[in-house]
N, C-alpha and C. Protein backbone atom coordinates (compact mmCIF):
# COMPACT_ATOMS: atom_id res chain seq x y z
N MET A 1 63.99 35.46 13.17
CA MET A 1 63.72 36.27 12.03
C MET A 1 64.45 35.74 10.80
N GLU A 2 65.69 35.31 10.98
CA GLU A 2 66.45 34.80 9.85
C GLU A 2 65.78 33.58 9.22
N VAL A 3 65.17 32.74 10.04
CA VAL A 3 64.46 31.57 9.52
C VAL A 3 63.28 32.03 8.65
N ASN A 4 62.57 33.04 9.12
CA ASN A 4 61.44 33.55 8.34
C ASN A 4 61.91 34.18 7.03
N ILE A 5 63.02 34.90 7.06
CA ILE A 5 63.56 35.51 5.84
C ILE A 5 63.98 34.41 4.86
N SER A 6 64.66 33.40 5.37
CA SER A 6 65.13 32.34 4.47
C SER A 6 63.96 31.55 3.85
N ALA A 7 62.81 31.57 4.49
CA ALA A 7 61.65 30.83 3.98
C ALA A 7 60.91 31.60 2.89
N THR A 8 61.27 32.86 2.66
CA THR A 8 60.57 33.64 1.63
C THR A 8 61.02 33.20 0.23
N SER A 9 60.28 33.66 -0.76
CA SER A 9 60.59 33.29 -2.14
C SER A 9 61.58 34.26 -2.79
N ALA A 10 62.10 35.22 -2.02
CA ALA A 10 63.08 36.17 -2.57
C ALA A 10 64.37 35.45 -2.93
N SER A 11 65.15 36.07 -3.81
CA SER A 11 66.42 35.47 -4.20
C SER A 11 67.37 35.44 -3.00
N GLU A 12 68.35 34.55 -3.06
CA GLU A 12 69.33 34.45 -1.98
C GLU A 12 70.08 35.78 -1.82
N PHE A 13 70.37 36.43 -2.94
CA PHE A 13 71.05 37.72 -2.90
C PHE A 13 70.19 38.74 -2.16
N ALA A 14 68.91 38.81 -2.49
CA ALA A 14 68.00 39.77 -1.84
C ALA A 14 67.87 39.48 -0.35
N LYS A 15 67.79 38.21 -0.01
CA LYS A 15 67.70 37.83 1.41
C LYS A 15 68.95 38.27 2.16
N GLU A 16 70.12 37.99 1.58
CA GLU A 16 71.38 38.35 2.24
C GLU A 16 71.53 39.86 2.37
N GLU A 17 71.15 40.59 1.33
CA GLU A 17 71.23 42.05 1.37
C GLU A 17 70.29 42.61 2.44
N PHE A 18 69.10 42.06 2.54
CA PHE A 18 68.16 42.49 3.57
C PHE A 18 68.75 42.26 4.95
N LEU A 19 69.29 41.06 5.18
CA LEU A 19 69.86 40.73 6.49
C LEU A 19 71.06 41.61 6.81
N LYS A 20 71.90 41.90 5.80
CA LYS A 20 73.04 42.80 6.03
C LYS A 20 72.55 44.17 6.48
N GLY A 21 71.55 44.70 5.77
CA GLY A 21 70.99 46.00 6.13
C GLY A 21 70.36 45.99 7.51
N PHE A 22 69.67 44.91 7.82
CA PHE A 22 69.03 44.79 9.12
C PHE A 22 70.07 44.77 10.23
N ARG A 23 71.10 43.95 10.05
CA ARG A 23 72.15 43.86 11.06
C ARG A 23 72.86 45.20 11.25
N SER A 24 73.11 45.89 10.16
CA SER A 24 73.79 47.18 10.22
C SER A 24 72.95 48.20 10.99
N SER A 25 71.67 48.28 10.66
CA SER A 25 70.81 49.26 11.35
C SER A 25 70.60 48.87 12.80
N THR A 26 70.51 47.58 13.07
CA THR A 26 70.34 47.12 14.44
C THR A 26 71.57 47.46 15.27
N SER A 27 72.74 47.26 14.68
CA SER A 27 73.98 47.57 15.38
C SER A 27 74.04 49.05 15.74
N LYS A 28 73.65 49.91 14.81
CA LYS A 28 73.65 51.35 15.06
C LYS A 28 72.63 51.72 16.13
N SER A 29 71.46 51.13 16.07
CA SER A 29 70.43 51.49 17.04
C SER A 29 70.71 50.94 18.43
N LEU A 30 71.49 49.87 18.51
CA LEU A 30 71.83 49.30 19.82
C LEU A 30 73.08 49.93 20.44
N ALA A 31 73.84 50.69 19.67
CA ALA A 31 75.08 51.29 20.18
C ALA A 31 74.84 52.15 21.43
N PRO A 32 73.83 53.03 21.45
CA PRO A 32 73.60 53.81 22.67
C PRO A 32 73.26 52.94 23.88
N ARG A 33 72.55 51.85 23.64
CA ARG A 33 72.21 50.94 24.75
C ARG A 33 73.48 50.28 25.29
N ARG A 34 74.34 49.82 24.37
CA ARG A 34 75.59 49.20 24.80
C ARG A 34 76.45 50.19 25.58
N GLU A 35 76.48 51.45 25.14
CA GLU A 35 77.25 52.48 25.84
C GLU A 35 76.69 52.71 27.24
N THR A 36 75.37 52.74 27.35
CA THR A 36 74.75 52.91 28.66
C THR A 36 75.09 51.74 29.57
N PHE A 37 75.01 50.52 29.06
CA PHE A 37 75.37 49.35 29.86
C PHE A 37 76.83 49.41 30.28
N ARG A 38 77.71 49.83 29.37
CA ARG A 38 79.14 49.91 29.68
C ARG A 38 79.39 50.90 30.81
N THR A 39 78.77 52.09 30.73
CA THR A 39 79.00 53.09 31.78
C THR A 39 78.39 52.65 33.11
N GLU A 40 77.25 51.97 33.06
CA GLU A 40 76.66 51.46 34.30
C GLU A 40 77.53 50.38 34.92
N GLU A 41 78.13 49.55 34.07
CA GLU A 41 79.02 48.50 34.57
C GLU A 41 80.26 49.11 35.23
N GLU A 42 80.82 50.17 34.64
CA GLU A 42 81.97 50.85 35.25
C GLU A 42 81.58 51.44 36.60
N TRP A 43 80.41 52.02 36.68
CA TRP A 43 79.93 52.60 37.93
C TRP A 43 79.77 51.50 38.99
N MET A 44 79.13 50.40 38.60
CA MET A 44 78.95 49.31 39.56
C MET A 44 80.29 48.76 40.04
N GLN A 45 81.23 48.57 39.11
CA GLN A 45 82.53 48.03 39.50
C GLN A 45 83.26 48.99 40.43
N SER A 46 83.19 50.28 40.16
CA SER A 46 83.85 51.24 41.03
C SER A 46 83.19 51.27 42.41
N SER A 47 81.88 51.08 42.46
CA SER A 47 81.18 51.00 43.75
C SER A 47 81.59 49.75 44.52
N ILE A 48 81.75 48.65 43.79
CA ILE A 48 82.23 47.40 44.42
C ILE A 48 83.64 47.59 44.95
N ASP A 49 84.51 48.24 44.18
CA ASP A 49 85.88 48.50 44.62
C ASP A 49 85.88 49.32 45.91
N LEU A 50 85.04 50.34 45.97
CA LEU A 50 84.95 51.18 47.17
C LEU A 50 84.43 50.36 48.35
N TYR A 51 83.42 49.56 48.12
CA TYR A 51 82.86 48.71 49.18
C TYR A 51 83.90 47.71 49.68
N GLU A 52 84.62 47.07 48.76
CA GLU A 52 85.65 46.11 49.16
C GLU A 52 86.78 46.78 49.94
N PHE A 53 87.13 48.00 49.55
CA PHE A 53 88.16 48.74 50.28
C PHE A 53 87.71 49.00 51.72
N THR A 54 86.45 49.45 51.88
CA THR A 54 85.97 49.73 53.23
C THR A 54 85.87 48.45 54.07
N LEU A 55 85.53 47.34 53.43
CA LEU A 55 85.51 46.06 54.17
C LEU A 55 86.92 45.64 54.57
N ALA A 56 87.87 45.78 53.64
CA ALA A 56 89.25 45.37 53.91
C ALA A 56 89.88 46.21 55.02
N HIS A 57 89.41 47.43 55.18
CA HIS A 57 89.99 48.34 56.17
C HIS A 57 88.99 48.69 57.26
N PHE A 58 88.09 47.76 57.54
CA PHE A 58 87.03 47.99 58.52
C PHE A 58 87.58 48.45 59.88
N GLY A 59 88.68 47.87 60.29
CA GLY A 59 89.26 48.23 61.58
C GLY A 59 90.11 49.49 61.54
N ASP A 60 90.28 50.07 60.37
CA ASP A 60 91.15 51.24 60.21
C ASP A 60 90.41 52.56 60.15
N TYR A 61 89.10 52.54 60.32
CA TYR A 61 88.35 53.80 60.29
C TYR A 61 87.19 53.74 61.27
N LYS A 62 86.67 54.91 61.54
CA LYS A 62 85.46 55.02 62.36
C LYS A 62 84.67 56.22 61.85
N VAL A 63 83.40 56.22 62.13
CA VAL A 63 82.55 57.33 61.77
C VAL A 63 82.39 58.18 63.02
N GLN A 64 82.78 59.44 62.87
CA GLN A 64 82.69 60.36 63.99
C GLN A 64 81.84 61.54 63.53
N GLY A 65 80.64 61.62 64.08
CA GLY A 65 79.69 62.62 63.60
C GLY A 65 79.30 62.25 62.18
N GLU A 66 79.57 63.14 61.25
CA GLU A 66 79.28 62.86 59.84
C GLU A 66 80.56 62.67 59.05
N LYS A 67 81.67 62.41 59.75
CA LYS A 67 82.96 62.28 59.08
C LYS A 67 83.51 60.87 59.23
N LEU A 68 84.21 60.45 58.21
CA LEU A 68 84.89 59.16 58.21
C LEU A 68 86.34 59.43 58.59
N MET A 69 86.79 58.82 59.67
CA MET A 69 88.13 59.06 60.19
C MET A 69 88.97 57.79 60.04
N PHE A 70 90.08 57.87 59.27
CA PHE A 70 90.97 56.73 59.07
C PHE A 70 92.16 56.83 60.02
N HIS A 71 92.61 55.67 60.51
CA HIS A 71 93.75 55.61 61.41
C HIS A 71 95.06 55.38 60.66
N GLY A 72 95.02 54.70 59.53
CA GLY A 72 96.24 54.34 58.80
C GLY A 72 96.71 55.45 57.87
N ASN A 73 98.01 55.45 57.61
CA ASN A 73 98.58 56.44 56.69
C ASN A 73 98.10 56.18 55.26
N GLY A 74 97.65 57.22 54.62
CA GLY A 74 97.28 57.14 53.22
C GLY A 74 95.94 56.49 52.93
N LEU A 75 95.32 55.91 53.92
CA LEU A 75 94.05 55.21 53.68
C LEU A 75 92.93 56.18 53.31
N PHE A 76 92.93 57.35 53.97
CA PHE A 76 91.87 58.30 53.65
C PHE A 76 92.00 58.78 52.21
N GLY A 77 93.21 59.01 51.76
CA GLY A 77 93.44 59.41 50.36
C GLY A 77 93.00 58.34 49.39
N GLN A 78 93.30 57.07 49.72
CA GLN A 78 92.87 55.96 48.85
C GLN A 78 91.34 55.89 48.81
N PHE A 79 90.72 56.07 49.97
CA PHE A 79 89.27 56.06 50.04
C PHE A 79 88.69 57.18 49.18
N GLN A 80 89.25 58.37 49.32
CA GLN A 80 88.75 59.51 48.55
C GLN A 80 88.90 59.28 47.04
N ASP A 81 90.02 58.69 46.64
CA ASP A 81 90.23 58.40 45.21
C ASP A 81 89.16 57.43 44.69
N LEU A 82 88.92 56.37 45.45
CA LEU A 82 87.91 55.39 45.05
C LEU A 82 86.51 56.01 45.04
N GLN A 83 86.25 56.83 46.04
CA GLN A 83 84.94 57.48 46.13
C GLN A 83 84.75 58.47 44.96
N SER A 84 85.76 59.25 44.66
CA SER A 84 85.67 60.21 43.54
C SER A 84 85.46 59.50 42.22
N LYS A 85 86.17 58.39 42.04
CA LYS A 85 86.03 57.60 40.81
C LYS A 85 84.60 57.08 40.69
N SER A 86 84.05 56.58 41.77
CA SER A 86 82.69 56.06 41.75
C SER A 86 81.68 57.17 41.47
N ILE A 87 81.87 58.32 42.07
CA ILE A 87 80.96 59.45 41.85
C ILE A 87 81.02 59.90 40.38
N THR A 88 82.22 59.94 39.82
CA THR A 88 82.38 60.32 38.41
C THR A 88 81.70 59.31 37.49
N PHE A 89 81.90 58.01 37.75
CA PHE A 89 81.26 56.99 36.93
C PHE A 89 79.74 57.03 37.07
N ARG A 90 79.25 57.35 38.25
CA ARG A 90 77.81 57.47 38.46
C ARG A 90 77.26 58.60 37.59
N LYS A 91 77.92 59.74 37.62
CA LYS A 91 77.49 60.88 36.81
C LYS A 91 77.48 60.52 35.33
N THR A 92 78.54 59.86 34.86
CA THR A 92 78.63 59.45 33.46
C THR A 92 77.52 58.48 33.10
N ALA A 93 77.25 57.53 33.98
CA ALA A 93 76.19 56.54 33.73
C ALA A 93 74.83 57.20 33.65
N ILE A 94 74.57 58.13 34.53
CA ILE A 94 73.28 58.83 34.51
C ILE A 94 73.13 59.66 33.24
N GLU A 95 74.20 60.35 32.85
CA GLU A 95 74.16 61.14 31.61
C GLU A 95 73.93 60.23 30.40
N SER A 96 74.60 59.09 30.38
CA SER A 96 74.44 58.14 29.28
C SER A 96 73.01 57.62 29.23
N LYS A 97 72.43 57.34 30.38
CA LYS A 97 71.05 56.85 30.45
C LYS A 97 70.08 57.91 29.95
N HIS A 98 70.30 59.17 30.35
CA HIS A 98 69.43 60.25 29.87
C HIS A 98 69.54 60.40 28.36
N LYS A 99 70.76 60.30 27.84
CA LYS A 99 70.98 60.41 26.40
C LYS A 99 70.29 59.25 25.67
N PHE A 100 70.43 58.06 26.21
CA PHE A 100 69.77 56.89 25.63
C PHE A 100 68.26 57.07 25.63
N ASP A 101 67.70 57.48 26.77
CA ASP A 101 66.25 57.67 26.88
C ASP A 101 65.74 58.73 25.90
N ALA A 102 66.51 59.82 25.76
CA ALA A 102 66.11 60.89 24.83
C ALA A 102 66.14 60.38 23.39
N GLY A 103 67.17 59.63 23.05
CA GLY A 103 67.25 59.06 21.70
C GLY A 103 66.12 58.09 21.43
N ARG A 104 65.80 57.29 22.41
CA ARG A 104 64.70 56.33 22.28
C ARG A 104 63.38 57.06 22.10
N GLN A 105 63.18 58.09 22.90
CA GLN A 105 61.94 58.86 22.80
C GLN A 105 61.84 59.55 21.44
N ASP A 106 62.95 60.06 20.95
CA ASP A 106 62.97 60.70 19.63
C ASP A 106 62.62 59.69 18.54
N ALA A 107 63.22 58.50 18.63
CA ALA A 107 62.93 57.46 17.62
C ALA A 107 61.47 57.05 17.66
N LEU A 108 60.91 56.93 18.86
CA LEU A 108 59.49 56.58 18.98
C LEU A 108 58.61 57.67 18.39
N SER A 109 58.96 58.92 18.68
CA SER A 109 58.18 60.05 18.16
C SER A 109 58.21 60.08 16.64
N GLN A 110 59.39 59.84 16.06
CA GLN A 110 59.51 59.84 14.61
C GLN A 110 58.68 58.71 13.99
N ALA A 111 58.55 57.62 14.73
CA ALA A 111 57.76 56.49 14.23
C ALA A 111 56.27 56.64 14.54
N GLY A 112 55.92 57.70 15.30
CA GLY A 112 54.53 57.91 15.66
C GLY A 112 54.03 56.96 16.73
N VAL A 113 54.96 56.50 17.56
CA VAL A 113 54.62 55.54 18.61
C VAL A 113 54.82 56.22 19.95
N THR A 114 53.92 55.96 20.89
CA THR A 114 54.07 56.49 22.24
C THR A 114 54.58 55.37 23.14
N PRO A 115 55.20 55.71 24.26
CA PRO A 115 55.64 54.66 25.19
C PRO A 115 54.51 53.74 25.63
N ALA A 116 53.31 54.28 25.73
CA ALA A 116 52.16 53.45 26.13
C ALA A 116 51.85 52.39 25.07
N ASP A 117 52.16 52.70 23.80
CA ASP A 117 51.89 51.74 22.73
C ASP A 117 52.73 50.48 22.85
N ILE A 118 53.91 50.60 23.46
CA ILE A 118 54.81 49.43 23.55
C ILE A 118 54.96 48.89 24.96
N SER A 119 54.26 49.47 25.90
CA SER A 119 54.34 49.01 27.29
C SER A 119 53.56 47.72 27.44
N ALA A 120 54.10 46.87 28.28
CA ALA A 120 53.39 45.63 28.60
C ALA A 120 52.21 45.97 29.50
N PRO A 121 51.12 45.25 29.36
CA PRO A 121 49.97 45.51 30.25
C PRO A 121 50.34 45.15 31.69
N PRO A 122 49.74 45.83 32.64
CA PRO A 122 50.05 45.50 34.03
C PRO A 122 49.61 44.09 34.36
N PRO A 123 50.33 43.42 35.27
CA PRO A 123 49.95 42.05 35.62
C PRO A 123 48.57 42.03 36.28
N LYS A 124 47.85 40.96 36.01
CA LYS A 124 46.52 40.80 36.59
C LYS A 124 46.66 40.33 38.04
N ASP A 125 45.79 40.86 38.89
CA ASP A 125 45.77 40.40 40.28
C ASP A 125 45.22 38.99 40.33
N LYS A 126 45.84 38.19 41.17
CA LYS A 126 45.38 36.79 41.30
C LYS A 126 44.53 36.62 42.51
């Protein structure tokens, strides 16, 4: 886009002002997306931490019925802490995604665009 703007006959000042405005509005419109990615990344990392903990202590627990039973001191508490953290991050990520989707839908509605207007066509069968 910058190449196309620089190729116009507008003054350098006008081009730079346009690009500044564009970057500013783009930054604002992408902020909810970045927040959603950040919360999803925290959720994924906390899930990885929980998974790595269970792998590291594979010999220290067993599943009995529907319960996880740890043999080592304090391991069950550590597991619960990691699990609670992951559950909390999951909830935050889902809320952030819903907020992002609602904002996106609102912006599309204000622009008079429907999701179908911007959807890619389905792939053709070969």
